[in-house]
C-alpha atoms as a PDB file:
ATOM      1  CA  MET A   1       0.341  -0.690  -0.198  1.00  0.00           C
ATOM      2  CA  ILE A   2       1.118   3.380  -0.971  1.00  0.00           C
ATOM      3  CA  PHE A   3      -0.328   5.042   2.000  1.00  0.00           C
ATOM      4  CA  TYR A   4       2.392   2.913   4.717  1.00  0.00           C
ATOM      5  CA  GLN A   5       5.278   3.263   1.927  1.00  0.00           C
ATOM      6  CA  ASN A   6       5.067   7.563   2.531  1.00  0.00           C
ATOM      7  CA  LYS A   7       4.895   6.746   6.159  1.00  0.00           C
ATOM      8  CA  ARG A   8       7.933   7.653   8.680  1.00  0.00           C
ATOM      9  CA  LYS A   9       9.261   4.873  10.240  1.00  0.00           C
ATOM     10  CA  LYS A  10      11.308   4.423  12.831  1.00  0.00           C
ATOM     11  CA  ASN A  11      12.403   1.334  14.874  1.00  0.00           C
ATOM     12  CA  GLY A  12      10.423  -1.070  13.157  1.00  0.00           C
ATOM     13  CA  TRP A  13       6.756   1.644  14.248  1.00  0.00           C
ATOM     14  CA  ILE A  14       4.612   3.652  11.146  1.00  0.00           C
ATOM     15  CA  GLU A  15       4.120   6.745  12.450  1.00  0.00           C
ATOM     16  CA  THR A  16       0.297   7.289  12.261  1.00  0.00           C
ATOM     17  CA  LEU A  17      -0.629  10.640  14.281  1.00  0.00           C
ATOM     18  CA  ASP A  18       0.811  13.395  15.644  1.00  0.00           C
ATOM     19  CA  GLY A  19       1.658  14.249  19.073  1.00  0.00           C
ATOM     20  CA  ALA A  20      -1.530  16.341  18.442  1.00  0.00           C
ATOM     21  CA  GLY A  21      -4.076  14.051  17.041  1.00  0.00           C
ATOM     22  CA  ILE A  22      -3.444  11.916  19.880  1.00  0.00           C
ATOM     23  CA  GLU A  23      -3.453  14.320  22.333  1.00  0.00           C
ATOM     24  CA  ASP A  24      -7.536  15.208  20.930  1.00  0.00           C
ATOM     25  CA  VAL A  25      -8.648  12.044  20.383  1.00  0.00           C
ATOM     26  CA  ILE A  26      -7.249  12.024  24.847  1.00  0.00           C
ATOM     27  CA  ASP A  27      -8.994  14.612  24.634  1.00  0.00           C
ATOM     28  CA  ASN A  28     -12.327  13.653  22.989  1.00  0.00           C
ATOM     29  CA  VAL A  29     -12.446  10.690  25.143  1.00  0.00           C
ATOM     30  CA  ASN A  30     -11.947  12.503  28.543  1.00  0.00           C
ATOM     31  CA  ASN A  31     -14.793  14.257  27.593  1.00  0.00           C
ATOM     32  CA  GLN A  32     -16.752  11.713  27.397  1.00  0.00           C
ATOM     33  CA  PHE A  33     -15.404   9.335  30.868  1.00  0.00           C
ATOM     34  CA  GLU A  34     -14.597  10.829  34.387  1.00  0.00           C
ATOM     35  CA  ASN A  35     -12.087   7.658  34.046  1.00  0.00           C
ATOM     36  CA  PRO A  36     -11.917   6.076  30.735  1.00  0.00           C
ATOM     37  CA  SER A  37     -10.357   2.678  29.750  1.00  0.00           C
ATOM     38  CA  LEU A  38      -7.482   1.727  27.962  1.00  0.00           C
ATOM     39  CA  ASP A  39      -9.523  -0.209  26.009  1.00  0.00           C
ATOM     40  CA  GLN A  40     -11.528   2.932  25.012  1.00  0.00           C
ATOM     41  CA  LEU A  41      -8.566   4.590  24.649  1.00  0.00           C
ATOM     42  CA  PHE A  42      -7.795   2.390  21.931  1.00  0.00           C
ATOM     43  CA  GLN A  43     -11.536   1.706  20.888  1.00  0.00           C
ATOM     44  CA  ALA A  44     -11.225   5.934  19.374  1.00  0.00           C
ATOM     45  CA  PHE A  45      -8.035   6.099  18.491  1.00  0.00           C
ATOM     46  CA  LEU A  46      -8.651   2.914  15.604  1.00  0.00           C
ATOM     47  CA  TYR A  47     -11.634   4.452  15.155  1.00  0.00           C
ATOM     48  CA  TYR A  48     -10.309   8.144  14.665  1.00  0.00           C
ATOM     49  CA  PHE A  49      -7.066   5.964  12.560  1.00  0.00           C
ATOM     50  CA  GLU A  50      -9.554   4.573   9.968  1.00  0.00           C
ATOM     51  CA  ASN A  51     -12.219   7.255  10.192  1.00  0.00           C
ATOM     52  CA  ASP A  52     -10.809  10.059  10.169  1.00  0.00           C
ATOM     53  CA  ALA A  53     -13.444  11.334  12.790  1.00  0.00           C
ATOM     54  CA  PHE A  54     -13.453  11.682  16.911  1.00  0.00           C
ATOM     55  CA  LEU A  55     -15.862   7.955  18.260  1.00  0.00           C
ATOM     56  CA  VAL A  56     -18.848   8.822  20.163  1.00  0.00           C
ATOM     57  CA  PHE A  57     -19.041   5.994  22.300  1.00  0.00           C
ATOM     58  CA  LYS A  58     -22.687   4.938  22.891  1.00  0.00           C
ATOM     59  CA  LYS A  59     -23.615   5.758  26.841  1.00  0.00           C
END
C-alpha cells in the first residue's frame, strides 16, 4: 500500500498520528468518561485512524 510506504518508519513502527492528533483523541474520550479505560482509548484511536473522525461512545 502506498499509504504505508509514505509514512515515516522508526524502529519498526509506522507513524500514524502526530502528537496533537493523539492528544485530541485522548481529550475527546476524557470529555465522555471521567476515567476512561485503556480499551476505550484504544478503540477511539483506531476509530480516528480509520475514519478521520472522533468516536462518540454510547452510554
